Amino acid sequence: MGNALEQLRKETRDDAKLYGCIRELYEQGVPFEELKAVIPDIRRTREQLHMKRMLENNNEVLMQMFSREMSFLLDAKERQEEEQFKKIDQLIRQQQSYRKAAAEAGPIGKLKRLFLPA
């Protein structure tokens, strides 16, 4: 409701400006019939400018939302990649541990223990 009232107030101010411009042109000698013919074009141009401003504002809001969303997605992707690297690192360490244990339990490990006391 407040936004609609602000829009109406702005249009009223714009209409007052338009009326002031028309009155000034009339006082300068422009015939009223000519001014009357131009009023719809002026209003249409004003509405087009208003739409352009609204679209620009909308684009700004969309870009901000898009930027926040992309930032969130990139952070999430980084976290996911970090988790994947941690899992791979853990698997590598586990595999190394298994190989070390297998090497110590195998025949070469037994020979080393026999011939090379700690």
Protein backbone atom coordinates (compact mmCIF):
# COMPACT_ATOMS: atom_id res chain seq x y z
CA MET A 1 0.00 0.00 0.00
CA GLY A 2 2.81 2.40 0.91
CA ASN A 3 4.54 1.72 -2.40
CA ALA A 4 1.31 2.48 -4.30
CA LEU A 5 0.91 5.76 -2.40
CA GLU A 6 4.51 6.71 -3.14
CA GLN A 7 3.94 5.92 -6.83
CA LEU A 8 0.77 8.05 -6.86
CA ARG A 9 2.60 10.90 -5.11
CA LYS A 10 5.41 10.70 -7.67
CA GLU A 11 2.95 10.68 -10.58
CA THR A 12 1.16 13.65 -9.06
CA ARG A 13 4.47 15.53 -8.83
CA ASP A 14 5.25 14.56 -12.41
CA ASP A 15 1.82 15.76 -13.53
CA ALA A 16 2.40 19.03 -11.69
CA LYS A 17 5.74 19.43 -13.48
CA LEU A 18 4.07 18.62 -16.78
CA TYR A 19 1.34 21.17 -16.09
CA GLY A 20 3.99 23.77 -15.19
CA CYS A 21 5.87 23.14 -18.44
CA ILE A 22 2.67 23.34 -20.48
CA ARG A 23 1.66 26.59 -18.77
CA GLU A 24 5.13 28.06 -19.38
CA LEU A 25 4.99 27.13 -23.08
CA TYR A 26 1.48 28.59 -23.34
CA GLU A 27 2.67 31.83 -21.73
CA GLN A 28 5.50 31.95 -24.27
CA GLY A 29 2.94 31.95 -27.06
CA VAL A 30 2.59 28.31 -28.09
CA PRO A 31 -1.07 27.76 -29.08
CA PHE A 32 -3.06 25.56 -26.71
CA GLU A 33 -4.16 23.26 -29.56
CA GLU A 34 -0.53 22.43 -30.32
CA LEU A 35 0.20 21.80 -26.64
CA LYS A 36 -2.90 19.63 -26.36
CA ALA A 37 -1.63 17.46 -29.22
CA VAL A 38 1.80 17.03 -27.57
CA ILE A 39 0.55 16.05 -24.08
CA PRO A 40 -0.06 12.34 -24.90
CA ASP A 41 3.43 12.08 -26.39
CA ILE A 42 4.95 13.69 -23.30
CA ARG A 43 3.04 11.32 -21.02
CA ARG A 44 4.04 8.31 -23.10
CA THR A 45 7.69 9.40 -22.99
CA ARG A 46 7.45 9.91 -19.23
CA GLU A 47 5.94 6.43 -18.82
CA GLN A 48 8.68 4.93 -20.98
CA LEU A 49 11.34 6.66 -18.89
CA HIS A 50 9.64 5.41 -15.75
CA MET A 51 9.60 1.86 -17.12
CA LYS A 52 13.26 2.19 -18.07
CA ARG A 53 14.11 3.30 -14.51
CA MET A 54 12.10 0.42 -13.07
CA LEU A 55 13.90 -2.07 -15.33
CA GLU A 56 17.29 -0.64 -14.40
CA ASN A 57 16.43 -0.92 -10.71
CA ASN A 58 15.12 -4.44 -11.28
CA ASN A 59 18.34 -5.35 -13.10
CA GLU A 60 20.40 -4.02 -10.19
CA VAL A 61 18.41 -6.10 -7.71
CA LEU A 62 18.68 -9.18 -9.93
CA MET A 63 22.44 -8.72 -10.30
CA GLN A 64 22.84 -8.43 -6.52
CA MET A 65 20.76 -11.56 -6.00
CA PHE A 66 22.67 -13.38 -8.73
CA SER A 67 25.99 -12.32 -7.22
CA ARG A 68 24.99 -13.56 -3.75
CA GLU A 69 23.71 -16.84 -5.17
CA MET A 70 26.88 -17.39 -7.22
CA SER A 71 29.01 -16.62 -4.17
CA PHE A 72 27.03 -19.14 -2.13
CA LEU A 73 27.34 -21.77 -4.87
CA LEU A 74 31.07 -21.22 -5.25
CA ASP A 75 31.56 -21.51 -1.48
CA ALA A 76 29.53 -24.71 -1.44
CA LYS A 77 31.57 -26.12 -4.33
CA GLU A 78 34.82 -25.25 -2.55
CA ARG A 79 33.60 -26.97 0.63
CA GLN A 80 32.59 -30.03 -1.40
CA GLU A 81 35.98 -30.18 -3.14
CA GLU A 82 37.76 -29.78 0.20
CA GLU A 83 35.77 -32.71 1.62
CA GLN A 84 36.67 -34.82 -1.43
CA PHE A 85 40.36 -34.01 -1.01
CA LYS A 86 40.18 -34.91 2.69
CA LYS A 87 38.60 -38.27 1.83
CA ILE A 88 41.23 -38.98 -0.84
CA ASP A 89 44.00 -38.02 1.59
CA GLN A 90 42.50 -40.28 4.25
CA LEU A 91 42.27 -43.18 1.77
CA ILE A 92 45.89 -42.68 0.67
CA ARG A 93 47.08 -42.63 4.28
CA GLN A 94 45.01 -45.72 5.05
CA GLN A 95 46.44 -47.53 2.01
CA GLN A 96 49.98 -46.58 3.07
CA SER A 97 49.27 -47.87 6.56
CA TYR A 98 47.95 -51.18 5.17
CA ARG A 99 51.00 -51.56 2.92
CA LYS A 100 53.37 -50.83 5.80
CA ALA A 101 51.60 -53.37 8.01
CA ALA A 102 51.60 -55.94 5.20
CA ALA A 103 55.30 -55.34 4.52
CA GLU A 104 56.16 -55.80 8.20
CA ALA A 105 54.07 -58.98 8.43
CA GLY A 106 55.42 -60.44 5.16
CA PRO A 107 58.52 -62.62 4.66
CA ILE A 108 60.90 -59.70 4.09
CA GLY A 109 59.79 -58.09 7.34
CA LYS A 110 60.41 -61.34 9.20
CA LEU A 111 63.91 -61.63 7.68
CA LYS A 112 64.69 -58.02 8.64
CA ARG A 113 63.67 -58.71 12.23
CA LEU A 114 65.85 -61.82 12.30
CA PHE A 115 68.98 -60.29 10.83
CA LEU A 116 68.65 -56.63 11.83
CA PRO A 117 67.77 -56.32 15.46
CA ALA A 118 66.31 -52.97 16.42
